[in-house]
N, C-alpha and C. Protein backbone atom coordinates (compact mmCIF):
# COMPACT_ATOMS: atom_id res chain seq x y z
N MET A 1 74.48 -23.88 25.72
CA MET A 1 74.28 -22.77 26.64
C MET A 1 75.07 -23.03 27.92
N ASN A 2 75.65 -21.99 28.45
CA ASN A 2 76.35 -22.14 29.71
C ASN A 2 75.85 -21.17 30.77
N ASP A 3 74.78 -20.46 30.47
CA ASP A 3 74.23 -19.59 31.50
C ASP A 3 73.10 -20.30 32.23
N SER A 4 72.54 -19.66 33.24
CA SER A 4 71.52 -20.31 34.07
C SER A 4 70.17 -20.42 33.37
N SER A 5 70.04 -19.86 32.15
CA SER A 5 68.75 -19.93 31.47
C SER A 5 68.44 -21.34 30.98
N ASP A 6 69.43 -22.24 31.00
CA ASP A 6 69.16 -23.60 30.55
C ASP A 6 68.63 -24.49 31.68
N LYS A 7 68.48 -23.95 32.88
CA LYS A 7 67.95 -24.72 34.01
C LYS A 7 66.44 -24.91 33.82
N PHE A 8 65.99 -26.15 33.98
CA PHE A 8 64.58 -26.49 33.84
C PHE A 8 64.16 -27.27 35.07
N ILE A 9 63.10 -26.85 35.74
CA ILE A 9 62.66 -27.45 36.99
C ILE A 9 61.40 -28.26 36.74
N VAL A 10 61.34 -29.43 37.33
CA VAL A 10 60.12 -30.24 37.34
C VAL A 10 59.69 -30.36 38.79
N ALA A 11 58.43 -30.06 39.06
CA ALA A 11 57.91 -30.11 40.43
C ALA A 11 56.56 -30.83 40.43
N VAL A 12 56.20 -31.32 41.61
CA VAL A 12 54.92 -31.99 41.80
C VAL A 12 54.09 -31.20 42.80
N VAL A 13 52.78 -31.33 42.65
CA VAL A 13 51.81 -30.68 43.53
C VAL A 13 50.87 -31.77 44.04
N ALA A 14 50.52 -31.71 45.32
CA ALA A 14 49.54 -32.63 45.89
C ALA A 14 48.37 -31.82 46.44
N VAL A 15 47.19 -32.10 45.93
CA VAL A 15 45.97 -31.52 46.49
C VAL A 15 45.37 -32.61 47.37
N ILE A 16 45.56 -32.44 48.69
CA ILE A 16 45.13 -33.45 49.66
C ILE A 16 43.74 -33.10 50.16
N ILE A 17 42.78 -33.97 49.87
CA ILE A 17 41.37 -33.72 50.18
C ILE A 17 40.98 -34.45 51.45
N LYS A 18 40.32 -33.71 52.34
CA LYS A 18 39.78 -34.26 53.59
C LYS A 18 38.35 -33.75 53.71
N ASP A 19 37.39 -34.67 53.64
CA ASP A 19 35.98 -34.31 53.64
C ASP A 19 35.71 -33.36 52.47
N ASP A 20 35.24 -32.16 52.72
CA ASP A 20 34.94 -31.24 51.62
C ASP A 20 35.96 -30.09 51.53
N LYS A 21 37.13 -30.28 52.13
CA LYS A 21 38.18 -29.25 52.10
C LYS A 21 39.49 -29.88 51.65
N PHE A 22 40.51 -29.06 51.46
CA PHE A 22 41.83 -29.56 51.08
C PHE A 22 42.90 -28.76 51.80
N LEU A 23 44.08 -29.34 51.88
CA LEU A 23 45.18 -28.77 52.65
C LEU A 23 45.87 -27.64 51.88
N ILE A 24 45.98 -26.48 52.54
CA ILE A 24 46.82 -25.41 52.01
C ILE A 24 47.83 -25.05 53.09
N MET A 25 48.98 -24.55 52.64
CA MET A 25 50.08 -24.27 53.55
C MET A 25 50.69 -22.91 53.20
N ARG A 26 51.12 -22.20 54.23
CA ARG A 26 51.75 -20.89 54.01
C ARG A 26 53.26 -21.07 53.99
N ARG A 27 53.87 -20.65 52.88
CA ARG A 27 55.32 -20.78 52.73
C ARG A 27 56.05 -19.91 53.75
N SER A 28 57.17 -20.41 54.21
CA SER A 28 57.99 -19.68 55.17
C SER A 28 58.46 -18.35 54.57
N GLU A 29 58.65 -17.37 55.43
CA GLU A 29 59.11 -16.05 54.97
C GLU A 29 60.54 -16.09 54.45
N ASN A 30 61.31 -17.13 54.77
CA ASN A 30 62.69 -17.18 54.30
C ASN A 30 62.86 -17.97 52.99
N LYS A 31 61.76 -18.36 52.35
CA LYS A 31 61.84 -19.04 51.06
C LYS A 31 62.20 -18.03 49.97
N LYS A 32 63.09 -18.43 49.07
CA LYS A 32 63.49 -17.53 47.98
C LYS A 32 62.33 -17.27 47.03
N ALA A 33 61.59 -18.33 46.70
CA ALA A 33 60.46 -18.21 45.77
C ALA A 33 59.16 -18.19 46.57
N GLY A 34 58.37 -17.17 46.37
CA GLY A 34 57.04 -17.10 46.97
C GLY A 34 56.99 -17.08 48.49
N PRO A 35 57.81 -16.28 49.15
CA PRO A 35 57.73 -16.26 50.61
C PRO A 35 56.35 -15.81 51.09
N ASN A 36 55.85 -16.46 52.13
CA ASN A 36 54.58 -16.12 52.79
C ASN A 36 53.32 -16.38 51.97
N ILE A 37 53.42 -16.98 50.80
CA ILE A 37 52.19 -17.21 50.04
C ILE A 37 51.56 -18.55 50.43
N TRP A 38 50.26 -18.61 50.26
CA TRP A 38 49.51 -19.84 50.50
C TRP A 38 49.56 -20.67 49.23
N GLU A 39 49.79 -21.97 49.40
CA GLU A 39 49.87 -22.90 48.28
C GLU A 39 49.36 -24.26 48.73
N THR A 40 49.20 -25.16 47.78
CA THR A 40 49.00 -26.56 48.14
C THR A 40 50.40 -27.14 48.33
N LEU A 41 50.47 -28.34 48.80
CA LEU A 41 51.76 -28.96 49.04
C LEU A 41 52.48 -29.19 47.71
N SER A 42 53.78 -28.89 47.67
CA SER A 42 54.51 -29.06 46.41
C SER A 42 56.00 -29.25 46.69
N GLY A 43 56.71 -29.71 45.67
CA GLY A 43 58.15 -29.85 45.79
C GLY A 43 58.76 -30.30 44.49
N ARG A 44 60.05 -30.15 44.41
CA ARG A 44 60.77 -30.50 43.19
C ARG A 44 61.02 -32.00 43.07
N VAL A 45 61.03 -32.45 41.83
CA VAL A 45 61.37 -33.83 41.52
C VAL A 45 62.89 -33.92 41.44
N ASP A 46 63.47 -34.87 42.16
CA ASP A 46 64.92 -35.07 42.11
C ASP A 46 65.31 -35.68 40.77
N HIS A 47 66.54 -35.43 40.33
CA HIS A 47 67.04 -35.97 39.07
C HIS A 47 66.86 -37.49 39.05
N GLY A 48 66.20 -38.01 38.02
CA GLY A 48 65.99 -39.43 37.87
C GLY A 48 64.83 -40.00 38.67
N GLU A 49 64.16 -39.18 39.46
CA GLU A 49 63.06 -39.64 40.30
C GLU A 49 61.75 -39.65 39.52
N ASP A 50 60.94 -40.67 39.73
CA ASP A 50 59.62 -40.72 39.13
C ASP A 50 58.73 -39.68 39.82
N PRO A 51 57.95 -38.90 39.07
CA PRO A 51 57.10 -37.87 39.69
C PRO A 51 56.13 -38.43 40.74
N TYR A 52 55.59 -39.61 40.52
CA TYR A 52 54.67 -40.22 41.49
C TYR A 52 55.40 -40.50 42.81
N ASP A 53 56.62 -41.00 42.72
CA ASP A 53 57.42 -41.22 43.93
C ASP A 53 57.76 -39.89 44.59
N ALA A 54 58.02 -38.88 43.78
CA ALA A 54 58.36 -37.55 44.32
C ALA A 54 57.19 -36.95 45.09
N VAL A 55 55.97 -37.09 44.58
CA VAL A 55 54.83 -36.49 45.28
C VAL A 55 54.60 -37.21 46.61
N LYS A 56 54.78 -38.52 46.64
CA LYS A 56 54.63 -39.25 47.91
C LYS A 56 55.72 -38.84 48.90
N ARG A 57 56.95 -38.66 48.43
CA ARG A 57 58.05 -38.22 49.29
C ARG A 57 57.79 -36.82 49.84
N GLU A 58 57.35 -35.92 48.97
CA GLU A 58 57.09 -34.54 49.39
C GLU A 58 55.98 -34.48 50.45
N ILE A 59 54.96 -35.29 50.30
CA ILE A 59 53.88 -35.32 51.29
C ILE A 59 54.44 -35.71 52.66
N LEU A 60 55.27 -36.74 52.69
CA LEU A 60 55.87 -37.16 53.97
C LEU A 60 56.77 -36.07 54.54
N GLU A 61 57.59 -35.46 53.70
CA GLU A 61 58.54 -34.45 54.17
C GLU A 61 57.85 -33.17 54.66
N GLU A 62 56.80 -32.75 53.99
CA GLU A 62 56.22 -31.45 54.28
C GLU A 62 55.04 -31.46 55.24
N CYS A 63 54.37 -32.62 55.40
CA CYS A 63 53.22 -32.60 56.32
C CYS A 63 53.02 -33.89 57.11
N SER A 64 53.70 -34.96 56.74
CA SER A 64 53.65 -36.24 57.47
C SER A 64 52.29 -36.94 57.48
N LEU A 65 51.38 -36.53 56.61
CA LEU A 65 50.06 -37.17 56.59
C LEU A 65 50.12 -38.53 55.91
N ASP A 66 49.20 -39.39 56.32
CA ASP A 66 48.99 -40.66 55.65
C ASP A 66 47.89 -40.41 54.62
N VAL A 67 48.22 -40.56 53.33
CA VAL A 67 47.26 -40.27 52.26
C VAL A 67 47.32 -41.36 51.20
N GLU A 68 46.28 -41.37 50.37
CA GLU A 68 46.26 -42.22 49.19
C GLU A 68 46.35 -41.31 47.98
N VAL A 69 47.47 -41.40 47.24
CA VAL A 69 47.70 -40.54 46.09
C VAL A 69 47.17 -41.21 44.84
N GLU A 70 46.41 -40.46 44.05
CA GLU A 70 45.94 -40.97 42.76
C GLU A 70 47.16 -41.21 41.87
N ARG A 71 47.16 -42.30 41.17
CA ARG A 71 48.32 -42.67 40.35
C ARG A 71 48.52 -41.74 39.16
N ARG A 72 47.41 -41.31 38.56
CA ARG A 72 47.51 -40.44 37.38
C ARG A 72 47.44 -38.97 37.77
N PRO A 73 48.30 -38.15 37.18
CA PRO A 73 48.19 -36.70 37.42
C PRO A 73 46.86 -36.17 36.88
N VAL A 74 46.35 -35.14 37.50
CA VAL A 74 45.10 -34.52 37.08
C VAL A 74 45.37 -33.36 36.12
N ASP A 75 46.53 -32.71 36.28
CA ASP A 75 46.83 -31.54 35.45
C ASP A 75 48.35 -31.38 35.40
N THR A 76 48.81 -30.69 34.37
CA THR A 76 50.20 -30.24 34.28
C THR A 76 50.18 -28.85 33.68
N TYR A 77 51.13 -28.04 34.09
CA TYR A 77 51.23 -26.71 33.48
C TYR A 77 52.63 -26.13 33.67
N MET A 78 52.93 -25.18 32.82
CA MET A 78 54.22 -24.49 32.87
C MET A 78 54.08 -23.18 33.64
N THR A 79 55.10 -22.87 34.40
CA THR A 79 55.19 -21.58 35.08
C THR A 79 56.67 -21.22 35.17
N ARG A 80 57.02 -20.28 36.00
CA ARG A 80 58.42 -19.91 36.18
C ARG A 80 58.71 -19.85 37.68
N ARG A 81 59.92 -20.23 38.04
CA ARG A 81 60.38 -20.15 39.42
C ARG A 81 61.73 -19.45 39.40
N LEU A 82 61.77 -18.28 40.00
CA LEU A 82 63.00 -17.48 40.04
C LEU A 82 63.62 -17.32 38.65
N GLY A 83 62.75 -17.09 37.66
CA GLY A 83 63.21 -16.85 36.29
C GLY A 83 63.43 -18.10 35.46
N HIS A 84 63.33 -19.27 36.05
CA HIS A 84 63.55 -20.51 35.32
C HIS A 84 62.22 -21.17 34.96
N PRO A 85 62.16 -21.83 33.79
CA PRO A 85 60.93 -22.54 33.44
C PRO A 85 60.71 -23.72 34.40
N MET A 86 59.45 -23.92 34.77
CA MET A 86 59.12 -25.00 35.69
C MET A 86 57.84 -25.68 35.23
N LEU A 87 57.91 -27.00 35.14
CA LEU A 87 56.75 -27.83 34.82
C LEU A 87 56.18 -28.34 36.13
N LEU A 88 54.88 -28.11 36.37
CA LEU A 88 54.20 -28.61 37.56
C LEU A 88 53.29 -29.76 37.17
N ILE A 89 53.38 -30.84 37.91
CA ILE A 89 52.56 -32.03 37.71
C ILE A 89 51.66 -32.15 38.93
N VAL A 90 50.34 -32.09 38.72
CA VAL A 90 49.38 -31.99 39.81
C VAL A 90 48.68 -33.33 40.06
N TYR A 91 48.75 -33.78 41.31
CA TYR A 91 48.12 -35.03 41.74
C TYR A 91 47.04 -34.75 42.77
N GLY A 92 46.02 -35.58 42.76
CA GLY A 92 45.03 -35.57 43.82
C GLY A 92 45.38 -36.62 44.85
N ALA A 93 45.01 -36.37 46.10
CA ALA A 93 45.27 -37.34 47.16
C ALA A 93 44.14 -37.26 48.18
N LYS A 94 43.83 -38.40 48.77
CA LYS A 94 42.80 -38.47 49.81
C LYS A 94 43.46 -38.64 51.17
N TYR A 95 43.06 -37.79 52.11
CA TYR A 95 43.53 -37.89 53.49
C TYR A 95 43.05 -39.22 54.08
N LEU A 96 43.95 -39.92 54.78
CA LEU A 96 43.58 -41.16 55.46
C LEU A 96 43.68 -41.00 56.98
N SER A 97 44.84 -40.49 57.46
CA SER A 97 45.02 -40.36 58.90
C SER A 97 46.23 -39.48 59.23
N LYS A 98 46.43 -39.29 60.51
CA LYS A 98 47.52 -38.51 61.13
C LYS A 98 47.20 -37.02 61.12
N GLU A 99 47.98 -36.30 61.90
CA GLU A 99 47.86 -34.84 61.98
C GLU A 99 49.02 -34.22 61.20
N VAL A 100 48.79 -33.02 60.69
CA VAL A 100 49.83 -32.30 59.94
C VAL A 100 50.98 -31.95 60.88
N ILE A 101 52.19 -32.27 60.44
CA ILE A 101 53.41 -31.82 61.11
C ILE A 101 54.16 -30.99 60.07
N LEU A 102 54.26 -29.69 60.33
CA LEU A 102 54.90 -28.80 59.37
C LEU A 102 56.41 -28.96 59.35
N SER A 103 57.00 -28.87 58.16
CA SER A 103 58.46 -28.81 58.02
C SER A 103 58.86 -27.34 58.12
N GLU A 104 60.15 -27.08 57.99
CA GLU A 104 60.63 -25.69 58.04
C GLU A 104 60.21 -24.89 56.81
N GLU A 105 59.65 -25.56 55.81
CA GLU A 105 59.26 -24.87 54.58
C GLU A 105 57.97 -24.06 54.71
N HIS A 106 57.16 -24.37 55.74
CA HIS A 106 55.87 -23.71 55.92
C HIS A 106 55.69 -23.27 57.37
N THR A 107 54.91 -22.21 57.56
CA THR A 107 54.70 -21.69 58.91
C THR A 107 53.32 -21.99 59.46
N GLU A 108 52.36 -22.27 58.59
CA GLU A 108 51.02 -22.62 59.05
C GLU A 108 50.28 -23.38 57.95
N TYR A 109 49.16 -23.97 58.34
CA TYR A 109 48.35 -24.72 57.39
C TYR A 109 46.89 -24.56 57.78
N LYS A 110 46.02 -24.90 56.84
CA LYS A 110 44.58 -24.98 57.12
C LYS A 110 43.92 -25.86 56.08
N TRP A 111 42.76 -26.36 56.46
CA TRP A 111 41.91 -27.09 55.52
C TRP A 111 40.94 -26.07 54.96
N ALA A 112 40.98 -25.84 53.65
CA ALA A 112 40.28 -24.72 53.04
C ALA A 112 39.32 -25.17 51.94
N SER A 113 38.40 -24.28 51.64
CA SER A 113 37.53 -24.44 50.47
C SER A 113 38.24 -23.79 49.27
N ILE A 114 37.76 -24.07 48.08
CA ILE A 114 38.37 -23.48 46.89
C ILE A 114 38.20 -21.96 46.89
N ASP A 115 37.07 -21.46 47.37
CA ASP A 115 36.87 -20.01 47.41
C ASP A 115 37.84 -19.35 48.39
N GLU A 116 38.04 -19.98 49.53
CA GLU A 116 38.99 -19.42 50.51
C GLU A 116 40.40 -19.42 49.94
N PHE A 117 40.80 -20.53 49.32
CA PHE A 117 42.13 -20.61 48.72
C PHE A 117 42.31 -19.54 47.65
N ALA A 118 41.32 -19.39 46.78
CA ALA A 118 41.40 -18.39 45.71
C ALA A 118 41.56 -16.98 46.27
N SER A 119 40.97 -16.72 47.43
CA SER A 119 41.08 -15.38 48.03
C SER A 119 42.42 -15.17 48.73
N LEU A 120 43.14 -16.24 49.05
CA LEU A 120 44.39 -16.13 49.81
C LEU A 120 45.66 -16.18 48.97
N THR A 121 45.58 -16.76 47.77
CA THR A 121 46.80 -16.99 47.00
C THR A 121 46.84 -16.17 45.71
N PRO A 122 48.03 -15.74 45.29
CA PRO A 122 48.16 -15.10 43.98
C PRO A 122 48.36 -16.12 42.86
N LEU A 123 48.43 -17.40 43.19
CA LEU A 123 48.74 -18.46 42.22
C LEU A 123 47.46 -18.94 41.54
N LYS A 124 46.96 -18.13 40.62
CA LYS A 124 45.66 -18.41 39.99
C LYS A 124 45.67 -19.69 39.17
N ARG A 125 46.78 -20.02 38.54
CA ARG A 125 46.83 -21.27 37.76
C ARG A 125 46.77 -22.47 38.70
N LEU A 126 47.35 -22.34 39.89
CA LEU A 126 47.26 -23.41 40.88
C LEU A 126 45.82 -23.56 41.38
N VAL A 127 45.11 -22.46 41.52
CA VAL A 127 43.70 -22.52 41.89
C VAL A 127 42.92 -23.29 40.82
N ASP A 128 43.19 -23.00 39.56
CA ASP A 128 42.50 -23.72 38.47
C ASP A 128 42.80 -25.22 38.51
N ALA A 129 44.06 -25.57 38.74
CA ALA A 129 44.44 -26.99 38.82
C ALA A 129 43.77 -27.66 40.01
N THR A 130 43.69 -26.95 41.12
CA THR A 130 43.03 -27.49 42.32
C THR A 130 41.55 -27.73 42.04
N LYS A 131 40.91 -26.83 41.32
CA LYS A 131 39.51 -27.02 40.95
C LYS A 131 39.33 -28.31 40.15
N LYS A 132 40.26 -28.59 39.24
CA LYS A 132 40.18 -29.82 38.44
C LYS A 132 40.25 -31.05 39.34
N VAL A 133 41.14 -31.03 40.32
CA VAL A 133 41.26 -32.15 41.25
C VAL A 133 39.95 -32.33 42.02
N LEU A 134 39.39 -31.22 42.51
CA LEU A 134 38.16 -31.29 43.29
C LEU A 134 36.98 -31.77 42.45
N GLU A 135 36.91 -31.32 41.20
CA GLU A 135 35.83 -31.77 40.30
C GLU A 135 35.93 -33.26 40.03
N LEU A 136 37.14 -33.73 39.79
CA LEU A 136 37.34 -35.16 39.54
C LEU A 136 36.98 -35.97 40.79
N ASP A 137 37.37 -35.47 41.96
CA ASP A 137 37.07 -36.16 43.20
C ASP A 137 35.56 -36.25 43.44
N SER A 138 34.85 -35.18 43.12
CA SER A 138 33.40 -35.20 43.33
C SER A 138 32.71 -36.17 42.38
N LYS A 139 33.23 -36.35 41.17
CA LYS A 139 32.67 -37.31 40.22
C LYS A 139 32.94 -38.74 40.66
N VAL A 140 34.14 -38.98 41.20
CA VAL A 140 34.50 -40.32 41.67
C VAL A 140 33.69 -40.67 42.91
N GLY A 141 33.46 -39.68 43.77
CA GLY A 141 32.73 -39.91 45.02
C GLY A 141 31.25 -40.06 44.84
N SER A 142 30.70 -39.70 43.69
CA SER A 142 29.23 -39.77 43.52
C SER A 142 28.77 -41.06 42.91
């Protein structure tokens, strides 16, 4: 194939938990994919990069928080980004310290409940993945 349909994207998602809430961020209006939507922190895996390293890099780049990332992904799923297939690998992370510093990719952030996130985002599969992270976290914490 020589057309753009052979492009395949791998991305990571971080659900960063602080107390009983988690970090959501509003995408910048100038983003090609999903402008102005609320999401959890995410980013693409660079060619040859380990997904675990990618999620740690993305956390630093997009919010600058100090977190502890779970080594094993909690969920994976397929979606599409600008017409291309995209595999999302979802990790849970625990907030440790620092304040959020937004990159140019997002315009605002908040610490939200799952119900609030579900009411703000059209990304229903991401809501389901986030629920899995929160359920696992509550089992580990009990």
